[in-house]
Amino acid sequence: MKRWVIVPVKRLAAAKSRLSPALPAPQRRLLARALLDHTLNILRGLGGIEGILVVGKDRAVRSIARKSGAIFIREGECDGLNRALTRAAGAAVRLGAEAVMVLPADLPLIRKGDIKQAMRMASAPPFVVIAPDRGEQGTNLLYISPPGIIKFSFGERSFEKHIQSARRKKVRVSVLRTLALAQDIDRPEDLIILRGPFRVPIPL
């Protein structure tokens, strides 16, 4: 099966605004870049993936994506995340994708084994594999085949919306719960994990 991974990224200058009580803007940009580099490094060395599409609006993100060997898909100013992901999935299909995985670039603990586990949980299409965040509100990984089998619904209560969409289509759903996939960086208290196995060159 030909798999493509889609990595959505906000503008580095605007990334992680909810961390502003703990980190000034330059450090937030540095953190966002380090997380993107980490994600692309994990994916680049992973077998079973045909390619990586990075979705964003930022020239800096485009430069990082191209240096890593990924294809950059520019998000339109009025796209919104879900529309941009739909466009990226369409591009993946034109490149031969039979399955797409959406993986946000803010999971500091993620390792190759987490991605491999998601791929192992899928069998013959159609399927949906989904990993929730810690509160089981958001979606931190979405792996689907064929592309377009369900509508992207990232945002508030996306975990529930993706599952409901799959059930309406009578598509088999597998839920993957791991610490690494659940642990994103959204709030100042989340920064404590950066003192652990994943380190970025910023003072915390």
N, C-alpha and C. Protein backbone atom coordinates (compact mmCIF):
# COMPACT_ATOMS: atom_id res chain seq x y z
N MET A 1 0.85 -1.20 0.00
CA MET A 1 0.00 0.00 0.00
C MET A 1 0.88 1.25 0.00
N LYS A 2 0.57 2.18 -0.87
CA LYS A 2 1.34 3.41 -0.96
C LYS A 2 0.77 4.44 0.03
N ARG A 3 1.58 4.79 1.00
CA ARG A 3 1.16 5.71 2.07
C ARG A 3 1.89 7.03 1.96
N TRP A 4 1.15 8.11 2.14
CA TRP A 4 1.73 9.43 2.25
C TRP A 4 1.32 10.03 3.58
N VAL A 5 2.24 10.79 4.18
CA VAL A 5 1.96 11.46 5.45
C VAL A 5 1.83 12.96 5.19
N ILE A 6 0.79 13.54 5.78
CA ILE A 6 0.54 14.98 5.67
C ILE A 6 0.81 15.62 7.03
N VAL A 7 1.69 16.60 7.04
CA VAL A 7 2.06 17.29 8.29
C VAL A 7 1.61 18.74 8.20
N PRO A 8 0.54 19.10 8.90
CA PRO A 8 0.11 20.51 8.90
C PRO A 8 0.92 21.33 9.89
N VAL A 9 1.30 22.55 9.48
CA VAL A 9 2.14 23.41 10.32
C VAL A 9 1.62 24.85 10.25
N LYS A 10 1.46 25.47 11.40
CA LYS A 10 1.10 26.89 11.42
C LYS A 10 2.32 27.74 11.09
N ARG A 11 2.09 29.00 10.78
CA ARG A 11 3.21 29.93 10.63
C ARG A 11 4.05 29.91 11.90
N LEU A 12 5.36 29.82 11.74
CA LEU A 12 6.23 29.75 12.91
C LEU A 12 6.07 30.98 13.80
N ALA A 13 5.84 32.13 13.19
CA ALA A 13 5.71 33.36 13.98
C ALA A 13 4.46 33.36 14.83
N ALA A 14 3.45 32.57 14.43
CA ALA A 14 2.18 32.55 15.16
C ALA A 14 1.99 31.26 15.95
N ALA A 15 2.95 30.37 15.88
CA ALA A 15 2.78 29.06 16.49
C ALA A 15 2.81 29.14 18.01
N LYS A 16 2.03 28.25 18.59
CA LYS A 16 2.03 28.04 20.04
C LYS A 16 1.74 29.31 20.82
N SER A 17 0.76 30.07 20.38
CA SER A 17 0.41 31.32 21.06
C SER A 17 -0.09 31.08 22.48
N ARG A 18 -0.66 29.91 22.73
CA ARG A 18 -1.16 29.62 24.08
C ARG A 18 -0.03 29.42 25.09
N LEU A 19 1.20 29.33 24.58
CA LEU A 19 2.35 29.21 25.49
C LEU A 19 2.91 30.58 25.86
N SER A 20 2.30 31.64 25.40
CA SER A 20 2.85 32.98 25.62
C SER A 20 3.04 33.34 27.09
N PRO A 21 2.21 32.84 28.03
CA PRO A 21 2.49 33.16 29.44
C PRO A 21 3.83 32.61 29.93
N ALA A 22 4.34 31.57 29.24
CA ALA A 22 5.58 30.93 29.69
C ALA A 22 6.76 31.20 28.78
N LEU A 23 6.49 31.46 27.48
CA LEU A 23 7.58 31.64 26.53
C LEU A 23 7.34 32.87 25.67
N PRO A 24 8.35 33.72 25.51
CA PRO A 24 8.21 34.84 24.57
C PRO A 24 8.21 34.35 23.13
N ALA A 25 7.81 35.21 22.22
CA ALA A 25 7.64 34.83 20.82
C ALA A 25 8.88 34.18 20.19
N PRO A 26 10.10 34.72 20.40
CA PRO A 26 11.26 34.08 19.76
C PRO A 26 11.45 32.63 20.20
N GLN A 27 11.20 32.35 21.46
CA GLN A 27 11.35 30.98 21.94
C GLN A 27 10.23 30.08 21.43
N ARG A 28 9.04 30.63 21.28
CA ARG A 28 7.95 29.83 20.72
C ARG A 28 8.24 29.46 19.27
N ARG A 29 8.80 30.39 18.51
CA ARG A 29 9.18 30.08 17.13
C ARG A 29 10.25 28.99 17.10
N LEU A 30 11.22 29.10 17.99
CA LEU A 30 12.29 28.11 18.05
C LEU A 30 11.73 26.74 18.42
N LEU A 31 10.80 26.73 19.35
CA LEU A 31 10.17 25.47 19.76
C LEU A 31 9.39 24.86 18.60
N ALA A 32 8.59 25.67 17.90
CA ALA A 32 7.81 25.16 16.78
C ALA A 32 8.72 24.58 15.70
N ARG A 33 9.82 25.26 15.44
CA ARG A 33 10.75 24.75 14.43
C ARG A 33 11.39 23.44 14.88
N ALA A 34 11.77 23.36 16.15
CA ALA A 34 12.38 22.13 16.67
C ALA A 34 11.40 20.96 16.60
N LEU A 35 10.13 21.21 16.89
CA LEU A 35 9.12 20.16 16.82
C LEU A 35 8.91 19.69 15.38
N LEU A 36 8.91 20.64 14.45
CA LEU A 36 8.76 20.27 13.04
C LEU A 36 9.96 19.45 12.57
N ASP A 37 11.16 19.90 12.92
CA ASP A 37 12.37 19.15 12.55
C ASP A 37 12.31 17.73 13.11
N HIS A 38 11.89 17.62 14.37
CA HIS A 38 11.79 16.31 15.02
C HIS A 38 10.82 15.40 14.26
N THR A 39 9.65 15.94 13.92
CA THR A 39 8.64 15.15 13.21
C THR A 39 9.14 14.69 11.86
N LEU A 40 9.75 15.59 11.11
CA LEU A 40 10.24 15.24 9.77
C LEU A 40 11.40 14.25 9.84
N ASN A 41 12.24 14.37 10.86
CA ASN A 41 13.34 13.41 11.02
C ASN A 41 12.81 12.01 11.29
N ILE A 42 11.77 11.92 12.10
CA ILE A 42 11.15 10.62 12.39
C ILE A 42 10.59 10.01 11.11
N LEU A 43 9.86 10.81 10.36
CA LEU A 43 9.20 10.30 9.16
C LEU A 43 10.19 9.98 8.05
N ARG A 44 11.23 10.79 7.92
CA ARG A 44 12.17 10.61 6.82
C ARG A 44 12.88 9.26 6.91
N GLY A 45 13.13 8.80 8.10
CA GLY A 45 13.85 7.54 8.26
C GLY A 45 12.95 6.33 8.44
N LEU A 46 11.67 6.48 8.11
CA LEU A 46 10.70 5.42 8.35
C LEU A 46 10.35 4.69 7.07
N GLY A 47 10.47 3.37 7.08
CA GLY A 47 10.08 2.59 5.92
C GLY A 47 8.57 2.49 5.79
N GLY A 48 8.11 2.20 4.59
CA GLY A 48 6.69 2.02 4.36
C GLY A 48 5.95 3.29 4.01
N ILE A 49 6.67 4.41 3.89
CA ILE A 49 6.04 5.69 3.54
C ILE A 49 6.60 6.15 2.19
N GLU A 50 5.69 6.46 1.29
CA GLU A 50 6.12 6.91 -0.04
C GLU A 50 6.67 8.33 0.00
N GLY A 51 6.06 9.19 0.81
CA GLY A 51 6.51 10.57 0.86
C GLY A 51 5.77 11.37 1.91
N ILE A 52 6.20 12.61 2.05
CA ILE A 52 5.67 13.51 3.09
C ILE A 52 5.22 14.80 2.42
N LEU A 53 4.04 15.25 2.78
CA LEU A 53 3.53 16.55 2.35
C LEU A 53 3.44 17.45 3.58
N VAL A 54 4.06 18.60 3.52
CA VAL A 54 3.97 19.58 4.61
C VAL A 54 3.04 20.69 4.15
N VAL A 55 2.01 20.97 4.94
CA VAL A 55 1.01 21.98 4.60
C VAL A 55 1.23 23.20 5.48
N GLY A 56 1.41 24.36 4.88
CA GLY A 56 1.62 25.57 5.67
C GLY A 56 1.56 26.82 4.82
N LYS A 57 1.77 27.97 5.47
CA LYS A 57 1.74 29.27 4.79
C LYS A 57 3.09 29.98 4.85
N ASP A 58 4.03 29.40 5.56
CA ASP A 58 5.25 30.08 5.98
C ASP A 58 6.42 29.74 5.05
N ARG A 59 7.17 30.75 4.61
CA ARG A 59 8.36 30.50 3.80
C ARG A 59 9.39 29.69 4.57
N ALA A 60 9.49 29.97 5.86
CA ALA A 60 10.44 29.22 6.68
C ALA A 60 10.06 27.75 6.74
N VAL A 61 8.77 27.47 6.87
CA VAL A 61 8.29 26.08 6.87
C VAL A 61 8.57 25.44 5.52
N ARG A 62 8.34 26.18 4.45
CA ARG A 62 8.62 25.65 3.11
C ARG A 62 10.09 25.27 2.97
N SER A 63 10.97 26.12 3.49
CA SER A 63 12.40 25.84 3.41
C SER A 63 12.77 24.58 4.20
N ILE A 64 12.21 24.45 5.40
CA ILE A 64 12.48 23.27 6.23
C ILE A 64 11.97 22.01 5.53
N ALA A 65 10.76 22.09 4.98
CA ALA A 65 10.17 20.94 4.31
C ALA A 65 11.04 20.49 3.14
N ARG A 66 11.45 21.42 2.31
CA ARG A 66 12.22 21.07 1.12
C ARG A 66 13.59 20.50 1.47
N LYS A 67 14.21 21.05 2.52
CA LYS A 67 15.51 20.52 2.94
C LYS A 67 15.39 19.09 3.46
N SER A 68 14.22 18.74 3.98
CA SER A 68 14.02 17.39 4.52
C SER A 68 13.58 16.41 3.44
N GLY A 69 13.34 16.90 2.24
CA GLY A 69 12.89 16.03 1.16
C GLY A 69 11.38 15.92 1.05
N ALA A 70 10.65 16.71 1.84
CA ALA A 70 9.19 16.70 1.78
C ALA A 70 8.71 17.66 0.70
N ILE A 71 7.46 17.49 0.30
CA ILE A 71 6.80 18.38 -0.66
C ILE A 71 5.99 19.40 0.13
N PHE A 72 6.16 20.67 -0.18
CA PHE A 72 5.43 21.72 0.51
C PHE A 72 4.16 22.06 -0.25
N ILE A 73 3.03 22.06 0.45
CA ILE A 73 1.75 22.46 -0.11
C ILE A 73 1.34 23.76 0.58
N ARG A 74 1.22 24.82 -0.18
CA ARG A 74 0.87 26.10 0.42
C ARG A 74 -0.61 26.14 0.78
N GLU A 75 -0.88 26.50 2.02
CA GLU A 75 -2.25 26.68 2.48
C GLU A 75 -2.76 28.05 2.05
N GLY A 76 -3.90 28.09 1.41
CA GLY A 76 -4.48 29.36 1.00
C GLY A 76 -4.87 30.20 2.19
N GLU A 77 -4.86 31.50 2.02
CA GLU A 77 -5.16 32.42 3.12
C GLU A 77 -6.54 32.17 3.70
N CYS A 78 -7.47 31.72 2.88
CA CYS A 78 -8.85 31.49 3.35
C CYS A 78 -9.19 30.02 3.46
N ASP A 79 -8.19 29.16 3.36
CA ASP A 79 -8.46 27.72 3.34
C ASP A 79 -9.06 27.20 4.65
N GLY A 80 -8.40 27.51 5.76
CA GLY A 80 -8.71 26.80 7.00
C GLY A 80 -8.02 25.45 6.96
N LEU A 81 -7.78 24.87 8.13
CA LEU A 81 -6.99 23.65 8.23
C LEU A 81 -7.62 22.50 7.46
N ASN A 82 -8.92 22.25 7.65
CA ASN A 82 -9.53 21.07 7.04
C ASN A 82 -9.58 21.16 5.52
N ARG A 83 -9.83 22.35 5.00
CA ARG A 83 -9.81 22.51 3.55
C ARG A 83 -8.40 22.30 3.01
N ALA A 84 -7.40 22.82 3.75
CA ALA A 84 -6.01 22.65 3.31
C ALA A 84 -5.61 21.17 3.33
N LEU A 85 -6.06 20.44 4.35
CA LEU A 85 -5.76 19.01 4.42
C LEU A 85 -6.43 18.25 3.28
N THR A 86 -7.65 18.65 2.94
CA THR A 86 -8.35 18.01 1.82
C THR A 86 -7.60 18.23 0.51
N ARG A 87 -7.09 19.45 0.31
CA ARG A 87 -6.29 19.73 -0.88
C ARG A 87 -5.01 18.90 -0.89
N ALA A 88 -4.38 18.77 0.28
CA ALA A 88 -3.15 17.99 0.37
C ALA A 88 -3.41 16.52 0.11
N ALA A 89 -4.52 16.00 0.62
CA ALA A 89 -4.87 14.60 0.38
C ALA A 89 -5.11 14.37 -1.11
N GLY A 90 -5.73 15.34 -1.77
CA GLY A 90 -5.92 15.24 -3.22
C GLY A 90 -4.60 15.20 -3.96
N ALA A 91 -3.65 16.02 -3.50
CA ALA A 91 -2.31 16.00 -4.11
C ALA A 91 -1.64 14.65 -3.90
N ALA A 92 -1.82 14.08 -2.71
CA ALA A 92 -1.24 12.77 -2.42
C ALA A 92 -1.82 11.70 -3.34
N VAL A 93 -3.13 11.76 -3.57
CA VAL A 93 -3.77 10.80 -4.47
C VAL A 93 -3.19 10.92 -5.88
N ARG A 94 -2.99 12.15 -6.34
CA ARG A 94 -2.40 12.34 -7.67
C ARG A 94 -0.98 11.79 -7.75
N LEU A 95 -0.33 11.69 -6.60
CA LEU A 95 1.01 11.12 -6.54
C LEU A 95 0.98 9.60 -6.32
N GLY A 96 -0.21 9.04 -6.28
CA GLY A 96 -0.33 7.59 -6.17
C GLY A 96 -0.74 7.07 -4.81
N ALA A 97 -1.06 7.95 -3.86
CA ALA A 97 -1.38 7.51 -2.50
C ALA A 97 -2.64 6.65 -2.47
N GLU A 98 -2.55 5.56 -1.75
CA GLU A 98 -3.71 4.71 -1.46
C GLU A 98 -4.19 4.91 -0.04
N ALA A 99 -3.36 5.54 0.78
CA ALA A 99 -3.70 5.85 2.17
C ALA A 99 -2.98 7.13 2.55
N VAL A 100 -3.57 7.92 3.42
CA VAL A 100 -2.91 9.12 3.92
C VAL A 100 -2.99 9.14 5.44
N MET A 101 -1.95 9.68 6.03
CA MET A 101 -1.89 9.84 7.49
C MET A 101 -1.65 11.32 7.78
N VAL A 102 -2.50 11.90 8.61
CA VAL A 102 -2.31 13.28 9.05
C VAL A 102 -1.64 13.24 10.41
N LEU A 103 -0.50 13.92 10.53
CA LEU A 103 0.28 13.91 11.76
C LEU A 103 0.70 15.33 12.10
N PRO A 104 0.09 15.95 13.10
CA PRO A 104 0.49 17.31 13.48
C PRO A 104 1.94 17.35 13.95
N ALA A 105 2.56 18.50 13.79
CA ALA A 105 4.00 18.64 14.11
C ALA A 105 4.22 19.19 15.50
N ASP A 106 3.49 18.67 16.48
CA ASP A 106 3.71 19.16 17.85
C ASP A 106 3.67 18.02 18.86
N LEU A 107 4.25 16.88 18.48
CA LEU A 107 4.27 15.70 19.34
C LEU A 107 5.71 15.37 19.70
N PRO A 108 6.24 15.94 20.76
CA PRO A 108 7.67 15.83 21.05
C PRO A 108 8.14 14.43 21.41
N LEU A 109 7.25 13.57 21.90
CA LEU A 109 7.66 12.24 22.33
C LEU A 109 7.54 11.18 21.24
N ILE A 110 7.04 11.56 20.09
CA ILE A 110 6.77 10.57 19.06
C ILE A 110 8.05 9.94 18.54
N ARG A 111 7.95 8.65 18.25
CA ARG A 111 9.07 7.89 17.71
C ARG A 111 8.58 7.05 16.53
N LYS A 112 9.49 6.45 15.81
CA LYS A 112 9.12 5.65 14.65
C LYS A 112 8.13 4.54 15.03
N GLY A 113 8.32 3.97 16.21
CA GLY A 113 7.46 2.87 16.63
C GLY A 113 5.99 3.26 16.74
N ASP A 114 5.72 4.53 17.06
CA ASP A 114 4.33 4.97 17.16
C ASP A 114 3.66 4.98 15.79
N ILE A 115 4.41 5.43 14.77
CA ILE A 115 3.89 5.45 13.41
C ILE A 115 3.71 4.02 12.90
N LYS A 116 4.69 3.17 13.17
CA LYS A 116 4.60 1.78 12.74
C LYS A 116 3.41 1.08 13.39
N GLN A 117 3.15 1.40 14.65
CA GLN A 117 2.02 0.79 15.33
C GLN A 117 0.70 1.18 14.66
N ALA A 118 0.59 2.45 14.28
CA ALA A 118 -0.62 2.90 13.58
C ALA A 118 -0.78 2.15 12.26
N MET A 119 0.31 1.96 11.54
CA MET A 119 0.23 1.25 10.26
C MET A 119 -0.12 -0.22 10.46
N ARG A 120 0.38 -0.82 11.54
CA ARG A 120 0.06 -2.23 11.79
C ARG A 120 -1.41 -2.43 12.15
N MET A 121 -2.03 -1.42 12.74
CA MET A 121 -3.42 -1.55 13.16
C MET A 121 -4.38 -1.54 11.97
N ALA A 122 -3.91 -1.11 10.82
CA ALA A 122 -4.75 -1.06 9.63
C ALA A 122 -4.57 -2.35 8.83
N SER A 123 -5.69 -2.86 8.30
CA SER A 123 -5.60 -4.03 7.43
C SER A 123 -6.05 -3.62 6.04
N ALA A 124 -7.00 -4.33 5.48
CA ALA A 124 -7.45 -3.99 4.13
C ALA A 124 -8.39 -2.79 4.19
N PRO A 125 -8.29 -1.88 3.21
CA PRO A 125 -9.21 -0.74 3.16
C PRO A 125 -10.64 -1.23 2.96
N PRO A 126 -11.61 -0.44 3.36
CA PRO A 126 -11.46 0.89 3.98
C PRO A 126 -11.18 0.77 5.47
N PHE A 127 -10.43 1.74 6.00
CA PHE A 127 -10.16 1.76 7.44
C PHE A 127 -9.90 3.18 7.90
N VAL A 128 -10.04 3.36 9.20
CA VAL A 128 -9.67 4.60 9.88
C VAL A 128 -8.93 4.21 11.15
N VAL A 129 -7.73 4.73 11.32
CA VAL A 129 -6.98 4.60 12.57
C VAL A 129 -6.83 5.99 13.14
N ILE A 130 -7.17 6.15 14.39
CA ILE A 130 -7.16 7.49 14.99
C ILE A 130 -6.54 7.45 16.38
N ALA A 131 -5.71 8.44 16.66
CA ALA A 131 -5.09 8.58 17.99
C ALA A 131 -5.56 9.89 18.60
N PRO A 132 -6.20 9.83 19.77
CA PRO A 132 -6.69 11.06 20.41
C PRO A 132 -5.61 11.74 21.24
N ASP A 133 -5.87 13.00 21.59
CA ASP A 133 -5.03 13.68 22.57
C ASP A 133 -5.38 13.19 23.97
N ARG A 134 -4.73 13.76 24.97
CA ARG A 134 -4.91 13.27 26.34
C ARG A 134 -6.35 13.36 26.82
N GLY A 135 -7.04 14.41 26.45
CA GLY A 135 -8.43 14.58 26.88
C GLY A 135 -9.42 13.87 25.99
N GLU A 136 -8.94 13.18 24.98
CA GLU A 136 -9.77 12.49 24.00
C GLU A 136 -10.79 13.45 23.38
N GLN A 137 -10.31 14.66 23.12
CA GLN A 137 -11.10 15.67 22.43
C GLN A 137 -10.57 15.89 21.03
N GLY A 138 -9.25 16.07 20.94
CA GLY A 138 -8.62 16.34 19.66
C GLY A 138 -8.07 15.08 19.02
N THR A 139 -7.58 15.24 17.78
CA THR A 139 -7.02 14.13 17.01
C THR A 139 -5.54 14.41 16.77
N ASN A 140 -4.68 13.51 17.24
CA ASN A 140 -3.24 13.69 17.08
C ASN A 140 -2.63 12.80 16.01
N LEU A 141 -3.41 11.90 15.47
CA LEU A 141 -3.01 11.13 14.29
C LEU A 141 -4.28 10.60 13.65
N LEU A 142 -4.35 10.70 12.33
CA LEU A 142 -5.49 10.16 11.59
C LEU A 142 -4.94 9.48 10.34
N TYR A 143 -5.19 8.18 10.26
CA TYR A 143 -4.68 7.36 9.16
C TYR A 143 -5.88 6.73 8.46
N ILE A 144 -6.07 7.02 7.18
CA ILE A 144 -7.27 6.58 6.50
C ILE A 144 -6.96 6.01 5.12
N SER A 145 -7.77 5.08 4.72
CA SER A 145 -7.72 4.54 3.35
C SER A 145 -9.11 4.06 2.96
N PRO A 146 -9.54 4.41 1.75
CA PRO A 146 -8.85 5.27 0.80
C PRO A 146 -8.90 6.74 1.23
N PRO A 147 -8.01 7.57 0.71
CA PRO A 147 -8.08 9.00 1.02
C PRO A 147 -9.45 9.55 0.65
N GLY A 148 -10.00 10.35 1.55
CA GLY A 148 -11.31 10.92 1.31
C GLY A 148 -12.46 10.08 1.84
N ILE A 149 -12.17 8.93 2.45
CA ILE A 149 -13.24 8.07 2.94
C ILE A 149 -14.06 8.76 4.02
N ILE A 150 -13.42 9.64 4.81
CA ILE A 150 -14.15 10.49 5.75
C ILE A 150 -13.69 11.93 5.58
N LYS A 151 -14.51 12.83 6.03
CA LYS A 151 -14.21 14.25 5.96
C LYS A 151 -13.28 14.64 7.10
N PHE A 152 -12.28 15.46 6.81
CA PHE A 152 -11.41 15.97 7.87
C PHE A 152 -12.21 16.94 8.73
N SER A 153 -12.12 16.75 10.05
CA SER A 153 -12.88 17.58 11.00
C SER A 153 -12.00 18.04 12.14
N PHE A 154 -10.75 18.40 11.84
CA PHE A 154 -9.84 18.86 12.89
C PHE A 154 -10.36 20.16 13.49
N GLY A 155 -10.16 20.27 14.80
CA GLY A 155 -10.70 21.40 15.54
C GLY A 155 -11.40 20.88 16.79
N GLU A 156 -12.34 21.60 17.28
CA GLU A 156 -13.04 21.22 18.51
C GLU A 156 -13.75 19.87 18.35
N ARG A 157 -13.50 18.98 19.31
CA ARG A 157 -14.12 17.65 19.37
C ARG A 157 -13.86 16.83 18.11
N SER A 158 -12.67 16.99 17.55
CA SER A 158 -12.38 16.30 16.30
C SER A 158 -12.32 14.78 16.47
N PHE A 159 -11.88 14.31 17.60
CA PHE A 159 -11.80 12.86 17.84
C PHE A 159 -13.18 12.23 17.68
N GLU A 160 -14.15 12.79 18.36
CA GLU A 160 -15.52 12.28 18.28
C GLU A 160 -16.08 12.43 16.86
N LYS A 161 -15.83 13.57 16.23
CA LYS A 161 -16.37 13.82 14.89
C LYS A 161 -15.80 12.84 13.87
N HIS A 162 -14.51 12.55 13.96
CA HIS A 162 -13.91 11.61 13.02
C HIS A 162 -14.48 10.20 13.21
N ILE A 163 -14.66 9.79 14.46
CA ILE A 163 -15.23 8.47 14.71
C ILE A 163 -16.66 8.40 14.20
N GLN A 164 -17.45 9.41 14.48
CA GLN A 164 -18.84 9.42 14.01
C GLN A 164 -18.91 9.38 12.49
N SER A 165 -18.03 10.12 11.84
CA SER A 165 -18.01 10.13 10.38
C SER A 165 -17.70 8.75 9.83
N ALA A 166 -16.74 8.07 10.44
CA ALA A 166 -16.38 6.72 9.99
C ALA A 166 -17.55 5.76 10.20
N ARG A 167 -18.21 5.86 11.33
CA ARG A 167 -19.33 4.95 11.61
C ARG A 167 -20.49 5.18 10.64
N ARG A 168 -20.72 6.44 10.27
CA ARG A 168 -21.79 6.71 9.31
C ARG A 168 -21.48 6.06 7.96
N LYS A 169 -20.18 5.99 7.64
CA LYS A 169 -19.78 5.36 6.38
C LYS A 169 -19.60 3.86 6.53
N LYS A 170 -19.83 3.36 7.77
CA LYS A 170 -19.65 1.94 8.08
C LYS A 170 -18.20 1.48 7.81
N VAL A 171 -17.29 2.35 8.19
CA VAL A 171 -15.86 2.07 8.04
C VAL A 171 -15.30 1.60 9.38
N ARG A 172 -14.48 0.58 9.32
CA ARG A 172 -13.86 0.06 10.54
C ARG A 172 -12.95 1.11 11.17
N VAL A 173 -13.08 1.32 12.49
CA VAL A 173 -12.28 2.31 13.21
C VAL A 173 -11.43 1.61 14.27
N SER A 174 -10.15 1.92 14.28
CA SER A 174 -9.24 1.45 15.33
C SER A 174 -8.71 2.66 16.06
N VAL A 175 -8.78 2.64 17.40
CA VAL A 175 -8.31 3.75 18.21
C VAL A 175 -6.95 3.38 18.81
N LEU A 176 -5.98 4.23 18.59
CA LEU A 176 -4.62 4.01 19.08
C LEU A 176 -4.34 4.99 20.21
N ARG A 177 -4.10 4.46 21.39
CA ARG A 177 -3.81 5.30 22.55
C ARG A 177 -2.38 5.00 23.03
N THR A 178 -1.50 5.98 22.85
CA THR A 178 -0.14 5.87 23.39
C THR A 178 0.22 7.21 24.03
N LEU A 179 1.13 7.18 24.98
CA LEU A 179 1.56 8.40 25.65
C LEU A 179 2.15 9.38 24.64
N ALA A 180 2.96 8.87 23.73
CA ALA A 180 3.64 9.76 22.78
C ALA A 180 2.66 10.46 21.86
N LEU A 181 1.65 9.75 21.39
CA LEU A 181 0.69 10.35 20.48
C LEU A 181 -0.31 11.25 21.21
N ALA A 182 -0.51 11.00 22.48
CA ALA A 182 -1.44 11.83 23.25
C ALA A 182 -0.82 13.13 23.73
N GLN A 183 0.51 13.15 23.86
CA GLN A 183 1.19 14.28 24.49
C GLN A 183 1.60 15.33 23.48
N ASP A 184 0.74 16.31 23.27
CA ASP A 184 1.12 17.45 22.44
C ASP A 184 1.55 18.61 23.34
N ILE A 185 1.95 19.70 22.73
CA ILE A 185 2.41 20.87 23.47
C ILE A 185 1.44 22.01 23.19
N ASP A 186 0.53 22.23 24.13
CA ASP A 186 -0.48 23.26 23.94
C ASP A 186 -0.51 24.29 25.06
N ARG A 187 -0.17 23.85 26.28
CA ARG A 187 -0.31 24.71 27.45
C ARG A 187 1.04 24.86 28.14
N PRO A 188 1.22 25.93 28.91
CA PRO A 188 2.51 26.11 29.59
C PRO A 188 2.92 24.91 30.43
N GLU A 189 1.97 24.23 31.07
CA GLU A 189 2.33 23.09 31.91
C GLU A 189 2.87 21.92 31.09
N ASP A 190 2.57 21.90 29.79
CA ASP A 190 3.09 20.82 28.94
C ASP A 190 4.60 20.93 28.73
N LEU A 191 5.16 22.10 28.96
CA LEU A 191 6.58 22.31 28.69
C LEU A 191 7.48 21.47 29.57
N ILE A 192 6.94 20.95 30.67
CA ILE A 192 7.77 20.15 31.57
C ILE A 192 8.35 18.93 30.88
N ILE A 193 7.63 18.39 29.88
CA ILE A 193 8.15 17.18 29.23
C ILE A 193 9.38 17.48 28.37
N LEU A 194 9.60 18.74 28.05
CA LEU A 194 10.77 19.08 27.24
C LEU A 194 12.06 18.97 28.03
N ARG A 195 11.94 18.81 29.32
CA ARG A 195 13.13 18.58 30.15
C ARG A 195 13.46 17.09 30.22
N GLY A 196 12.61 16.26 29.57
CA GLY A 196 12.81 14.83 29.57
C GLY A 196 13.58 14.36 28.36
N PRO A 197 13.09 13.29 27.69
CA PRO A 197 13.86 12.70 26.59
C PRO A 197 13.94 13.57 25.34
N PHE A 198 13.00 14.49 25.16
CA PHE A 198 13.05 15.36 23.99
C PHE A 198 13.52 16.72 24.44
N ARG A 199 14.59 17.23 23.84
CA ARG A 199 15.15 18.51 24.27
C ARG A 199 15.26 19.44 23.08
N VAL A 200 14.97 20.69 23.31
CA VAL A 200 15.14 21.72 22.28
C VAL A 200 16.06 22.79 22.83
N PRO A 201 16.76 23.49 21.95
CA PRO A 201 17.77 24.45 22.41
C PRO A 201 17.17 25.78 22.85
N ILE A 202 16.30 25.73 23.86
CA ILE A 202 15.74 26.94 24.42
C ILE A 202 15.79 26.83 25.94
N PRO A 203 16.00 27.94 26.64
CA PRO A 203 15.99 27.89 28.09
C PRO A 203 14.55 27.81 28.60
N LEU A 204 14.30 26.87 29.48
CA LEU A 204 12.96 26.70 30.04
C LEU A 204 13.00 26.88 31.56
